[in-house]
Amino acid sequence: MSEAAAHEAIKKTIESNDVVLFMKGTAQFPQCGFSAQVAQILLHLGVPFQDVNVLEDQDLREGIKTYTNWPTIPQLYVKGEFIGGADIVREMFQAGELHTLIHEKGIPHSNHG
C-alpha cells in the first residue's frame, strides 16, 4: 500500500466513525501501555469507538504518523478532528476536558467523568 493509499484508508476510517483510536493492538488486547491507557479512558467514559490496530499493517502504521505529522501511536480522532496521543488524552481526561469535548461533539457516552 502506498502512502497515498494509506492516507485514503485513514481518511475513510476517520470520516465513517465518530471516534477512532489508532493503536497498537485492539481495545480488548492492547499491545502497548500507552494504547491501553487511551482505550481504558474511552471505555471508562463509555464512549463507543473504532479501534484500528496499526500492527496489522506496516503501511498503515507509518501512514498514520505522516497523516497527522504526529510521530507516536496511539492517536485519537473525534468527529474527524485529531485530538492527540496518550499524554494529551490523559491530561484532557484528568482535567475534565475530554468529557466536555465528547459531550460538545454530541458523542453518546454512558459515564460522565
PDB file of N, CA and C in Angstrom:
ATOM      1  N   MET A   1       0.866  -1.184   0.000  1.00  0.00           N
ATOM      2  CA  MET A   1       0.000   0.000   0.000  1.00  0.00           C
ATOM      3  C   MET A   1       0.904   1.237   0.000  1.00  0.00           C
ATOM      4  N   SER A   2       0.652   2.154  -0.888  1.00  0.00           N
ATOM      5  CA  SER A   2       1.425   3.389  -0.936  1.00  0.00           C
ATOM      6  C   SER A   2       1.007   4.316   0.200  1.00  0.00           C
ATOM      7  N   GLU A   3       1.813   5.341   0.445  1.00  0.00           N
ATOM      8  CA  GLU A   3       1.454   6.318   1.470  1.00  0.00           C
ATOM      9  C   GLU A   3       0.117   6.986   1.133  1.00  0.00           C
ATOM     10  N   ALA A   4      -0.095   7.293  -0.148  1.00  0.00           N
ATOM     11  CA  ALA A   4      -1.363   7.907  -0.564  1.00  0.00           C
ATOM     12  C   ALA A   4      -2.538   6.973  -0.291  1.00  0.00           C
ATOM     13  N   ALA A   5      -2.362   5.696  -0.557  1.00  0.00           N
ATOM     14  CA  ALA A   5      -3.429   4.721  -0.296  1.00  0.00           C
ATOM     15  C   ALA A   5      -3.673   4.583   1.203  1.00  0.00           C
ATOM     16  N   ALA A   6      -2.612   4.583   1.982  1.00  0.00           N
ATOM     17  CA  ALA A   6      -2.751   4.516   3.445  1.00  0.00           C
ATOM     18  C   ALA A   6      -3.499   5.741   3.946  1.00  0.00           C
ATOM     19  N   HIS A   7      -3.139   6.911   3.447  1.00  0.00           N
ATOM     20  CA  HIS A   7      -3.824   8.150   3.856  1.00  0.00           C
ATOM     21  C   HIS A   7      -5.299   8.108   3.490  1.00  0.00           C
ATOM     22  N   GLU A   8      -5.629   7.575   2.323  1.00  0.00           N
ATOM     23  CA  GLU A   8      -7.027   7.476   1.898  1.00  0.00           C
ATOM     24  C   GLU A   8      -7.801   6.522   2.813  1.00  0.00           C
ATOM     25  N   ALA A   9      -7.192   5.404   3.175  1.00  0.00           N
ATOM     26  CA  ALA A   9      -7.836   4.444   4.086  1.00  0.00           C
ATOM     27  C   ALA A   9      -8.041   5.079   5.467  1.00  0.00           C
ATOM     28  N   ILE A  10      -7.054   5.817   5.939  1.00  0.00           N
ATOM     29  CA  ILE A  10      -7.156   6.505   7.232  1.00  0.00           C
ATOM     30  C   ILE A  10      -8.279   7.526   7.188  1.00  0.00           C
ATOM     31  N   LYS A  11      -8.314   8.316   6.115  1.00  0.00           N
ATOM     32  CA  LYS A  11      -9.334   9.345   5.962  1.00  0.00           C
ATOM     33  C   LYS A  11     -10.736   8.733   5.965  1.00  0.00           C
ATOM     34  N   LYS A  12     -10.917   7.645   5.239  1.00  0.00           N
ATOM     35  CA  LYS A  12     -12.223   6.977   5.186  1.00  0.00           C
ATOM     36  C   LYS A  12     -12.639   6.456   6.562  1.00  0.00           C
ATOM     37  N   THR A  13     -11.693   5.890   7.295  1.00  0.00           N
ATOM     38  CA  THR A  13     -11.997   5.377   8.636  1.00  0.00           C
ATOM     39  C   THR A  13     -12.406   6.513   9.560  1.00  0.00           C
ATOM     40  N   ILE A  14     -11.683   7.623   9.511  1.00  0.00           N
ATOM     41  CA  ILE A  14     -11.976   8.775  10.372  1.00  0.00           C
ATOM     42  C   ILE A  14     -13.330   9.382  10.012  1.00  0.00           C
ATOM     43  N   GLU A  15     -13.622   9.458   8.712  1.00  0.00           N
ATOM     44  CA  GLU A  15     -14.884  10.056   8.272  1.00  0.00           C
ATOM     45  C   GLU A  15     -16.095   9.190   8.574  1.00  0.00           C
ATOM     46  N   SER A  16     -15.905   7.876   8.676  1.00  0.00           N
ATOM     47  CA  SER A  16     -17.049   6.985   8.857  1.00  0.00           C
ATOM     48  C   SER A  16     -17.275   6.559  10.310  1.00  0.00           C
ATOM     49  N   ASN A  17     -16.480   7.088  11.232  1.00  0.00           N
ATOM     50  CA  ASN A  17     -16.629   6.778  12.656  1.00  0.00           C
ATOM     51  C   ASN A  17     -16.495   8.057  13.480  1.00  0.00           C
ATOM     52  N   ASP A  18     -17.373   8.224  14.467  1.00  0.00           N
ATOM     53  CA  ASP A  18     -17.309   9.428  15.308  1.00  0.00           C
ATOM     54  C   ASP A  18     -16.026   9.483  16.130  1.00  0.00           C
ATOM     55  N   VAL A  19     -15.605   8.344  16.660  1.00  0.00           N
ATOM     56  CA  VAL A  19     -14.402   8.284  17.493  1.00  0.00           C
ATOM     57  C   VAL A  19     -13.540   7.132  16.991  1.00  0.00           C
ATOM     58  N   VAL A  20     -12.283   7.444  16.672  1.00  0.00           N
ATOM     59  CA  VAL A  20     -11.349   6.436  16.165  1.00  0.00           C
ATOM     60  C   VAL A  20     -10.061   6.509  16.974  1.00  0.00           C
ATOM     61  N   LEU A  21      -9.600   5.338  17.398  1.00  0.00           N
ATOM     62  CA  LEU A  21      -8.324   5.241  18.087  1.00  0.00           C
ATOM     63  C   LEU A  21      -7.405   4.344  17.273  1.00  0.00           C
ATOM     64  N   PHE A  22      -6.371   4.959  16.682  1.00  0.00           N
ATOM     65  CA  PHE A  22      -5.325   4.200  16.010  1.00  0.00           C
ATOM     66  C   PHE A  22      -4.358   3.794  17.112  1.00  0.00           C
ATOM     67  N   MET A  23      -4.204   2.481  17.286  1.00  0.00           N
ATOM     68  CA  MET A  23      -3.454   1.992  18.438  1.00  0.00           C
ATOM     69  C   MET A  23      -2.651   0.746  18.089  1.00  0.00           C
ATOM     70  N   LYS A  24      -1.761   0.383  18.991  1.00  0.00           N
ATOM     71  CA  LYS A  24      -1.021  -0.873  18.865  1.00  0.00           C
ATOM     72  C   LYS A  24      -1.838  -1.932  19.589  1.00  0.00           C
ATOM     73  N   GLY A  25      -2.389  -2.860  18.815  1.00  0.00           N
ATOM     74  CA  GLY A  25      -3.276  -3.867  19.365  1.00  0.00           C
ATOM     75  C   GLY A  25      -4.721  -3.421  19.213  1.00  0.00           C
ATOM     76  N   THR A  26      -5.592  -4.024  20.013  1.00  0.00           N
ATOM     77  CA  THR A  26      -7.014  -3.686  19.987  1.00  0.00           C
ATOM     78  C   THR A  26      -7.444  -3.248  21.376  1.00  0.00           C
ATOM     79  N   ALA A  27      -8.643  -2.721  21.472  1.00  0.00           N
ATOM     80  CA  ALA A  27      -9.148  -2.292  22.775  1.00  0.00           C
ATOM     81  C   ALA A  27      -9.169  -3.467  23.754  1.00  0.00           C
ATOM     82  N   GLN A  28      -9.510  -4.662  23.260  1.00  0.00           N
ATOM     83  CA  GLN A  28      -9.559  -5.842  24.116  1.00  0.00           C
ATOM     84  C   GLN A  28      -8.167  -6.391  24.422  1.00  0.00           C
ATOM     85  N   PHE A  29      -7.236  -6.240  23.467  1.00  0.00           N
ATOM     86  CA  PHE A  29      -5.888  -6.770  23.627  1.00  0.00           C
ATOM     87  C   PHE A  29      -4.845  -5.740  23.188  1.00  0.00           C
ATOM     88  N   PRO A  30      -4.688  -4.658  23.967  1.00  0.00           N
ATOM     89  CA  PRO A  30      -3.691  -3.648  23.603  1.00  0.00           C
ATOM     90  C   PRO A  30      -2.276  -4.234  23.666  1.00  0.00           C
ATOM     91  N   GLN A  31      -1.435  -3.746  22.766  1.00  0.00           N
ATOM     92  CA  GLN A  31      -0.062  -4.251  22.682  1.00  0.00           C
ATOM     93  C   GLN A  31       0.970  -3.263  23.196  1.00  0.00           C
ATOM     94  N   CYS A  32       0.524  -2.160  23.784  1.00  0.00           N
ATOM     95  CA  CYS A  32       1.456  -1.241  24.442  1.00  0.00           C
ATOM     96  C   CYS A  32       0.693  -0.482  25.522  1.00  0.00           C
ATOM     97  N   GLY A  33       1.427  -0.037  26.519  1.00  0.00           N
ATOM     98  CA  GLY A  33       0.810   0.626  27.661  1.00  0.00           C
ATOM     99  C   GLY A  33       0.097   1.919  27.307  1.00  0.00           C
ATOM    100  N   PHE A  34       0.653   2.687  26.381  1.00  0.00           N
ATOM    101  CA  PHE A  34       0.034   3.954  26.004  1.00  0.00           C
ATOM    102  C   PHE A  34      -1.291   3.722  25.294  1.00  0.00           C
ATOM    103  N   SER A  35      -1.304   2.743  24.385  1.00  0.00           N
ATOM    104  CA  SER A  35      -2.548   2.398  23.699  1.00  0.00           C
ATOM    105  C   SER A  35      -3.585   1.897  24.697  1.00  0.00           C
ATOM    106  N   ALA A  36      -3.151   1.065  25.639  1.00  0.00           N
ATOM    107  CA  ALA A  36      -4.057   0.540  26.665  1.00  0.00           C
ATOM    108  C   ALA A  36      -4.653   1.674  27.492  1.00  0.00           C
ATOM    109  N   GLN A  37      -3.829   2.652  27.823  1.00  0.00           N
ATOM    110  CA  GLN A  37      -4.282   3.777  28.648  1.00  0.00           C
ATOM    111  C   GLN A  37      -5.393   4.577  27.959  1.00  0.00           C
ATOM    112  N   VAL A  38      -5.210   4.896  26.690  1.00  0.00           N
ATOM    113  CA  VAL A  38      -6.217   5.679  25.972  1.00  0.00           C
ATOM    114  C   VAL A  38      -7.497   4.853  25.790  1.00  0.00           C
ATOM    115  N   ALA A  39      -7.356   3.583  25.451  1.00  0.00           N
ATOM    116  CA  ALA A  39      -8.532   2.724  25.309  1.00  0.00           C
ATOM    117  C   ALA A  39      -9.291   2.651  26.636  1.00  0.00           C
ATOM    118  N   GLN A  40      -8.582   2.528  27.753  1.00  0.00           N
ATOM    119  CA  GLN A  40      -9.221   2.456  29.071  1.00  0.00           C
ATOM    120  C   GLN A  40      -9.970   3.746  29.397  1.00  0.00           C
ATOM    121  N   ILE A  41      -9.410   4.886  29.034  1.00  0.00           N
ATOM    122  CA  ILE A  41     -10.078   6.174  29.275  1.00  0.00           C
ATOM    123  C   ILE A  41     -11.393   6.210  28.497  1.00  0.00           C
ATOM    124  N   LEU A  42     -11.360   5.823  27.231  1.00  0.00           N
ATOM    125  CA  LEU A  42     -12.579   5.833  26.416  1.00  0.00           C
ATOM    126  C   LEU A  42     -13.603   4.840  26.962  1.00  0.00           C
ATOM    127  N   LEU A  43     -13.137   3.671  27.360  1.00  0.00           N
ATOM    128  CA  LEU A  43     -14.046   2.668  27.930  1.00  0.00           C
ATOM    129  C   LEU A  43     -14.631   3.175  29.244  1.00  0.00           C
ATOM    130  N   HIS A  44     -13.818   3.848  30.051  1.00  0.00           N
ATOM    131  CA  HIS A  44     -14.291   4.406  31.325  1.00  0.00           C
ATOM    132  C   HIS A  44     -15.404   5.431  31.090  1.00  0.00           C
ATOM    133  N   LEU A  45     -15.236   6.239  30.053  1.00  0.00           N
ATOM    134  CA  LEU A  45     -16.252   7.249  29.734  1.00  0.00           C
ATOM    135  C   LEU A  45     -17.463   6.636  29.032  1.00  0.00           C
ATOM    136  N   GLY A  46     -17.350   5.382  28.634  1.00  0.00           N
ATOM    137  CA  GLY A  46     -18.457   4.735  27.940  1.00  0.00           C
ATOM    138  C   GLY A  46     -18.644   5.245  26.528  1.00  0.00           C
ATOM    139  N   VAL A  47     -17.541   5.648  25.906  1.00  0.00           N
ATOM    140  CA  VAL A  47     -17.578   6.192  24.548  1.00  0.00           C
ATOM    141  C   VAL A  47     -17.392   5.056  23.548  1.00  0.00           C
ATOM    142  N   PRO A  48     -18.359   4.856  22.650  1.00  0.00           N
ATOM    143  CA  PRO A  48     -18.144   3.858  21.602  1.00  0.00           C
ATOM    144  C   PRO A  48     -17.079   4.373  20.633  1.00  0.00           C
ATOM    145  N   PHE A  49     -16.123   3.506  20.300  1.00  0.00           N
ATOM    146  CA  PHE A  49     -15.061   3.944  19.394  1.00  0.00           C
ATOM    147  C   PHE A  49     -14.600   2.795  18.513  1.00  0.00           C
ATOM    148  N   GLN A  50     -14.048   3.174  17.374  1.00  0.00           N
ATOM    149  CA  GLN A  50     -13.461   2.221  16.438  1.00  0.00           C
ATOM    150  C   GLN A  50     -11.978   2.125  16.756  1.00  0.00           C
ATOM    151  N   ASP A  51     -11.516   0.939  17.112  1.00  0.00           N
ATOM    152  CA  ASP A  51     -10.084   0.752  17.318  1.00  0.00           C
ATOM    153  C   ASP A  51      -9.471   0.216  16.026  1.00  0.00           C
ATOM    154  N   VAL A  52      -8.313   0.746  15.677  1.00  0.00           N
ATOM    155  CA  VAL A  52      -7.604   0.329  14.468  1.00  0.00           C
ATOM    156  C   VAL A  52      -6.211  -0.118  14.902  1.00  0.00           C
ATOM    157  N   ASN A  53      -5.930  -1.395  14.695  1.00  0.00           N
ATOM    158  CA  ASN A  53      -4.653  -1.983  15.089  1.00  0.00           C
ATOM    159  C   ASN A  53      -3.611  -1.699  14.015  1.00  0.00           C
ATOM    160  N   VAL A  54      -2.705  -0.769  14.286  1.00  0.00           N
ATOM    161  CA  VAL A  54      -1.683  -0.402  13.299  1.00  0.00           C
ATOM    162  C   VAL A  54      -0.617  -1.482  13.154  1.00  0.00           C
ATOM    163  N   LEU A  55      -0.573  -2.433  14.088  1.00  0.00           N
ATOM    164  CA  LEU A  55       0.427  -3.502  13.992  1.00  0.00           C
ATOM    165  C   LEU A  55       0.088  -4.502  12.891  1.00  0.00           C
ATOM    166  N   GLU A  56      -1.151  -4.473  12.404  1.00  0.00           N
ATOM    167  CA  GLU A  56      -1.564  -5.400  11.352  1.00  0.00           C
ATOM    168  C   GLU A  56      -1.102  -4.962   9.968  1.00  0.00           C
ATOM    169  N   ASP A  57      -0.659  -3.716   9.829  1.00  0.00           N
ATOM    170  CA  ASP A  57      -0.288  -3.199   8.506  1.00  0.00           C
ATOM    171  C   ASP A  57       0.803  -2.137   8.671  1.00  0.00           C
ATOM    172  N   GLN A  58       2.004  -2.465   8.234  1.00  0.00           N
ATOM    173  CA  GLN A  58       3.143  -1.551   8.373  1.00  0.00           C
ATOM    174  C   GLN A  58       2.895  -0.234   7.634  1.00  0.00           C
ATOM    175  N   ASP A  59       2.247  -0.280   6.470  1.00  0.00           N
ATOM    176  CA  ASP A  59       1.972   0.952   5.727  1.00  0.00           C
ATOM    177  C   ASP A  59       1.012   1.845   6.505  1.00  0.00           C
ATOM    178  N   LEU A  60       0.031   1.236   7.139  1.00  0.00           N
ATOM    179  CA  LEU A  60      -0.906   1.995   7.973  1.00  0.00           C
ATOM    180  C   LEU A  60      -0.190   2.578   9.186  1.00  0.00           C
ATOM    181  N   ARG A  61       0.691   1.786   9.784  1.00  0.00           N
ATOM    182  CA  ARG A  61       1.444   2.238  10.965  1.00  0.00           C
ATOM    183  C   ARG A  61       2.279   3.475  10.644  1.00  0.00           C
ATOM    184  N   GLU A  62       2.937   3.459   9.497  1.00  0.00           N
ATOM    185  CA  GLU A  62       3.735   4.619   9.097  1.00  0.00           C
ATOM    186  C   GLU A  62       2.849   5.733   8.543  1.00  0.00           C
ATOM    187  N   GLY A  63       1.785   5.346   7.839  1.00  0.00           N
ATOM    188  CA  GLY A  63       0.895   6.321   7.228  1.00  0.00           C
ATOM    189  C   GLY A  63       0.189   7.202   8.234  1.00  0.00           C
ATOM    190  N   ILE A  64      -0.201   6.646   9.386  1.00  0.00           N
ATOM    191  CA  ILE A  64      -0.901   7.461  10.393  1.00  0.00           C
ATOM    192  C   ILE A  64       0.025   8.532  10.948  1.00  0.00           C
ATOM    193  N   LYS A  65       1.308   8.239  11.018  1.00  0.00           N
ATOM    194  CA  LYS A  65       2.277   9.227  11.516  1.00  0.00           C
ATOM    195  C   LYS A  65       2.418  10.396  10.548  1.00  0.00           C
ATOM    196  N   THR A  66       2.425  10.106   9.244  1.00  0.00           N
ATOM    197  CA  THR A  66       2.570  11.180   8.266  1.00  0.00           C
ATOM    198  C   THR A  66       1.241  11.883   8.001  1.00  0.00           C
ATOM    199  N   TYR A  67       0.132  11.163   8.212  1.00  0.00           N
ATOM    200  CA  TYR A  67      -1.193  11.758   8.011  1.00  0.00           C
ATOM    201  C   TYR A  67      -1.374  12.974   8.912  1.00  0.00           C
ATOM    202  N   THR A  68      -0.916  12.850  10.156  1.00  0.00           N
ATOM    203  CA  THR A  68      -1.084  13.926  11.139  1.00  0.00           C
ATOM    204  C   THR A  68       0.201  14.683  11.421  1.00  0.00           C
ATOM    205  N   ASN A  69       1.314  14.185  10.882  1.00  0.00           N
ATOM    206  CA  ASN A  69       2.615  14.723  11.248  1.00  0.00           C
ATOM    207  C   ASN A  69       2.814  14.612  12.767  1.00  0.00           C
ATOM    208  N   TRP A  70       2.368  13.478  13.308  1.00  0.00           N
ATOM    209  CA  TRP A  70       2.479  13.189  14.738  1.00  0.00           C
ATOM    210  C   TRP A  70       3.248  11.868  14.841  1.00  0.00           C
ATOM    211  N   PRO A  71       4.392  11.847  15.529  1.00  0.00           N
ATOM    212  CA  PRO A  71       5.297  10.701  15.438  1.00  0.00           C
ATOM    213  C   PRO A  71       4.922   9.467  16.246  1.00  0.00           C
ATOM    214  N   THR A  72       3.939   9.571  17.120  1.00  0.00           N
ATOM    215  CA  THR A  72       3.677   8.447  18.020  1.00  0.00           C
ATOM    216  C   THR A  72       2.265   7.887  17.872  1.00  0.00           C
ATOM    217  N   ILE A  73       2.112   6.680  18.367  1.00  0.00           N
ATOM    218  CA  ILE A  73       0.843   5.971  18.402  1.00  0.00           C
ATOM    219  C   ILE A  73       0.634   5.604  19.869  1.00  0.00           C
ATOM    220  N   PRO A  74      -0.545   5.765  20.405  1.00  0.00           N
ATOM    221  CA  PRO A  74      -1.857   5.905  19.778  1.00  0.00           C
ATOM    222  C   PRO A  74      -2.159   7.332  19.321  1.00  0.00           C
ATOM    223  N   GLN A  75      -3.186   7.412  18.465  1.00  0.00           N
ATOM    224  CA  GLN A  75      -3.710   8.685  18.000  1.00  0.00           C
ATOM    225  C   GLN A  75      -5.229   8.624  18.065  1.00  0.00           C
ATOM    226  N   LEU A  76      -5.821   9.644  18.701  1.00  0.00           N
ATOM    227  CA  LEU A  76      -7.270   9.692  18.884  1.00  0.00           C
ATOM    228  C   LEU A  76      -7.885  10.765  17.995  1.00  0.00           C
ATOM    229  N   TYR A  77      -8.976  10.387  17.321  1.00  0.00           N
ATOM    230  CA  TYR A  77      -9.742  11.317  16.486  1.00  0.00           C
ATOM    231  C   TYR A  77     -11.182  11.337  16.988  1.00  0.00           C
ATOM    232  N   VAL A  78     -11.748  12.527  17.089  1.00  0.00           N
ATOM    233  CA  VAL A  78     -13.148  12.693  17.472  1.00  0.00           C
ATOM    234  C   VAL A  78     -13.815  13.563  16.418  1.00  0.00           C
ATOM    235  N   LYS A  79     -14.846  13.009  15.768  1.00  0.00           N
ATOM    236  CA  LYS A  79     -15.585  13.715  14.707  1.00  0.00           C
ATOM    237  C   LYS A  79     -14.632  14.294  13.667  1.00  0.00           C
ATOM    238  N   GLY A  80     -13.646  13.494  13.273  1.00  0.00           N
ATOM    239  CA  GLY A  80     -12.718  13.897  12.228  1.00  0.00           C
ATOM    240  C   GLY A  80     -11.560  14.757  12.689  1.00  0.00           C
ATOM    241  N   GLU A  81     -11.560  15.171  13.946  1.00  0.00           N
ATOM    242  CA  GLU A  81     -10.511  16.057  14.470  1.00  0.00           C
ATOM    243  C   GLU A  81      -9.463  15.243  15.220  1.00  0.00           C
ATOM    244  N   PHE A  82      -8.190  15.473  14.887  1.00  0.00           N
ATOM    245  CA  PHE A  82      -7.100  14.828  15.612  1.00  0.00           C
ATOM    246  C   PHE A  82      -7.001  15.458  16.991  1.00  0.00           C
ATOM    247  N   ILE A  83      -7.121  14.637  18.033  1.00  0.00           N
ATOM    248  CA  ILE A  83      -7.067  15.133  19.408  1.00  0.00           C
ATOM    249  C   ILE A  83      -5.657  15.057  19.954  1.00  0.00           C
ATOM    250  N   GLY A  84      -4.993  13.934  19.767  1.00  0.00           N
ATOM    251  CA  GLY A  84      -3.624  13.798  20.245  1.00  0.00           C
ATOM    252  C   GLY A  84      -3.298  12.371  20.601  1.00  0.00           C
ATOM    253  N   GLY A  85      -2.162  12.231  21.285  1.00  0.00           N
ATOM    254  CA  GLY A  85      -1.693  10.934  21.729  1.00  0.00           C
ATOM    255  C   GLY A  85      -2.016  10.695  23.185  1.00  0.00           C
ATOM    256  N   ALA A  86      -1.330   9.728  23.771  1.00  0.00           N
ATOM    257  CA  ALA A  86      -1.637   9.281  25.133  1.00  0.00           C
ATOM    258  C   ALA A  86      -1.508  10.396  26.166  1.00  0.00           C
ATOM    259  N   ASP A  87      -0.438  11.156  26.120  1.00  0.00           N
ATOM    260  CA  ASP A  87      -0.234  12.207  27.127  1.00  0.00           C
ATOM    261  C   ASP A  87      -1.329  13.262  27.061  1.00  0.00           C
ATOM    262  N   ILE A  88      -1.651  13.702  25.854  1.00  0.00           N
ATOM    263  CA  ILE A  88      -2.679  14.733  25.685  1.00  0.00           C
ATOM    264  C   ILE A  88      -4.042  14.206  26.121  1.00  0.00           C
ATOM    265  N   VAL A  89      -4.376  12.996  25.701  1.00  0.00           N
ATOM    266  CA  VAL A  89      -5.674  12.415  26.064  1.00  0.00           C
ATOM    267  C   VAL A  89      -5.771  12.257  27.581  1.00  0.00           C
ATOM    268  N   ARG A  90      -4.705  11.761  28.211  1.00  0.00           N
ATOM    269  CA  ARG A  90      -4.704  11.590  29.670  1.00  0.00           C
ATOM    270  C   ARG A  90      -4.883  12.932  30.380  1.00  0.00           C
ATOM    271  N   GLU A  91      -4.158  13.941  29.945  1.00  0.00           N
ATOM    272  CA  GLU A  91      -4.272  15.269  30.561  1.00  0.00           C
ATOM    273  C   GLU A  91      -5.669  15.840  30.375  1.00  0.00           C
ATOM    274  N   MET A  92      -6.225  15.682  29.171  1.00  0.00           N
ATOM    275  CA  MET A  92      -7.592  16.175  28.917  1.00  0.00           C
ATOM    276  C   MET A  92      -8.603  15.440  29.791  1.00  0.00           C
ATOM    277  N   PHE A  93      -8.425  14.128  29.952  1.00  0.00           N
ATOM    278  CA  PHE A  93      -9.324  13.332  30.782  1.00  0.00           C
ATOM    279  C   PHE A  93      -9.247  13.800  32.229  1.00  0.00           C
ATOM    280  N   GLN A  94      -8.044  13.959  32.744  1.00  0.00           N
ATOM    281  CA  GLN A  94      -7.860  14.352  34.142  1.00  0.00           C
ATOM    282  C   GLN A  94      -8.420  15.739  34.423  1.00  0.00           C
ATOM    283  N   ALA A  95      -8.368  16.620  33.437  1.00  0.00           N
ATOM    284  CA  ALA A  95      -8.878  17.986  33.597  1.00  0.00           C
ATOM    285  C   ALA A  95     -10.375  18.085  33.309  1.00  0.00           C
ATOM    286  N   GLY A  96     -10.997  16.989  32.860  1.00  0.00           N
ATOM    287  CA  GLY A  96     -12.409  17.003  32.506  1.00  0.00           C
ATOM    288  C   GLY A  96     -12.669  17.518  31.101  1.00  0.00           C
ATOM    289  N   GLU A  97     -11.608  17.868  30.374  1.00  0.00           N
ATOM    290  CA  GLU A  97     -11.756  18.441  29.039  1.00  0.00           C
ATOM    291  C   GLU A  97     -12.183  17.404  28.002  1.00  0.00           C
ATOM    292  N   LEU A  98     -11.760  16.161  28.189  1.00  0.00           N
ATOM    293  CA  LEU A  98     -12.132  15.132  27.225  1.00  0.00           C
ATOM    294  C   LEU A  98     -13.630  14.865  27.290  1.00  0.00           C
ATOM    295  N   HIS A  99     -14.173  14.776  28.496  1.00  0.00           N
ATOM    296  CA  HIS A  99     -15.621  14.578  28.637  1.00  0.00           C
ATOM    297  C   HIS A  99     -16.371  15.747  28.010  1.00  0.00           C
ATOM    298  N   THR A 100     -15.895  16.967  28.249  1.00  0.00           N
ATOM    299  CA  THR A 100     -16.531  18.156  27.681  1.00  0.00           C
ATOM    300  C   THR A 100     -16.514  18.082  26.157  1.00  0.00           C
ATOM    301  N   LEU A 101     -15.380  17.718  25.583  1.00  0.00           N
ATOM    302  CA  LEU A 101     -15.258  17.604  24.130  1.00  0.00           C
ATOM    303  C   LEU A 101     -16.227  16.557  23.592  1.00  0.00           C
ATOM    304  N   ILE A 102     -16.272  15.391  24.220  1.00  0.00           N
ATOM    305  CA  ILE A 102     -17.166  14.312  23.798  1.00  0.00           C
ATOM    306  C   ILE A 102     -18.621  14.795  23.848  1.00  0.00           C
ATOM    307  N   HIS A 103     -18.951  15.468  24.929  1.00  0.00           N
ATOM    308  CA  HIS A 103     -20.316  15.987  25.106  1.00  0.00           C
ATOM    309  C   HIS A 103     -20.641  17.035  24.041  1.00  0.00           C
ATOM    310  N   GLU A 104     -19.734  17.993  23.843  1.00  0.00           N
ATOM    311  CA  GLU A 104     -19.966  19.069  22.873  1.00  0.00           C
ATOM    312  C   GLU A 104     -20.075  18.551  21.446  1.00  0.00           C
ATOM    313  N   LYS A 105     -19.370  17.471  21.132  1.00  0.00           N
ATOM    314  CA  LYS A 105     -19.413  16.896  19.785  1.00  0.00           C
ATOM    315  C   LYS A 105     -20.630  15.990  19.590  1.00  0.00           C
ATOM    316  N   GLY A 106     -21.412  15.800  20.663  1.00  0.00           N
ATOM    317  CA  GLY A 106     -22.629  15.004  20.557  1.00  0.00           C
ATOM    318  C   GLY A 106     -22.388  13.507  20.491  1.00  0.00           C
ATOM    319  N   ILE A 107     -21.275  13.052  21.038  1.00  0.00           N
ATOM    320  CA  ILE A 107     -20.951  11.630  21.047  1.00  0.00           C
ATOM    321  C   ILE A 107     -21.683  10.974  22.216  1.00  0.00           C
ATOM    322  N   PRO A 108     -22.459   9.934  21.968  1.00  0.00           N
ATOM    323  CA  PRO A 108     -23.130   9.251  23.092  1.00  0.00           C
ATOM    324  C   PRO A 108     -22.081   8.591  23.984  1.00  0.00           C
ATOM    325  N   HIS A 109     -22.318   8.683  25.278  1.00  0.00           N
ATOM    326  CA  HIS A 109     -21.409   8.062  26.239  1.00  0.00           C
ATOM    327  C   HIS A 109     -22.191   7.768  27.515  1.00  0.00           C
ATOM    328  N   SER A 110     -21.731   6.793  28.271  1.00  0.00           N
ATOM    329  CA  SER A 110     -22.525   6.343  29.417  1.00  0.00           C
ATOM    330  C   SER A 110     -21.982   6.804  30.753  1.00  0.00           C
ATOM    331  N   ASN A 111     -20.772   7.343  30.794  1.00  0.00           N
ATOM    332  CA  ASN A 111     -20.197   7.784  32.066  1.00  0.00           C
ATOM    333  C   ASN A 111     -19.744   9.224  31.906  1.00  0.00           C
ATOM    334  N   HIS A 112     -20.014  10.006  32.898  1.00  0.00           N
ATOM    335  CA  HIS A 112     -19.738  11.448  32.780  1.00  0.00           C
ATOM    336  C   HIS A 112     -18.543  11.887  33.582  1.00  0.00           C
ATOM    337  N   GLY A 113     -17.512  11.111  33.560  1.00  0.00           N
ATOM    338  CA  GLY A 113     -16.301  11.583  34.179  1.00  0.00           C
ATOM    339  C   GLY A 113     -15.661  10.566  34.987  1.00  0.00           C
TER     340      GLY A 113
END
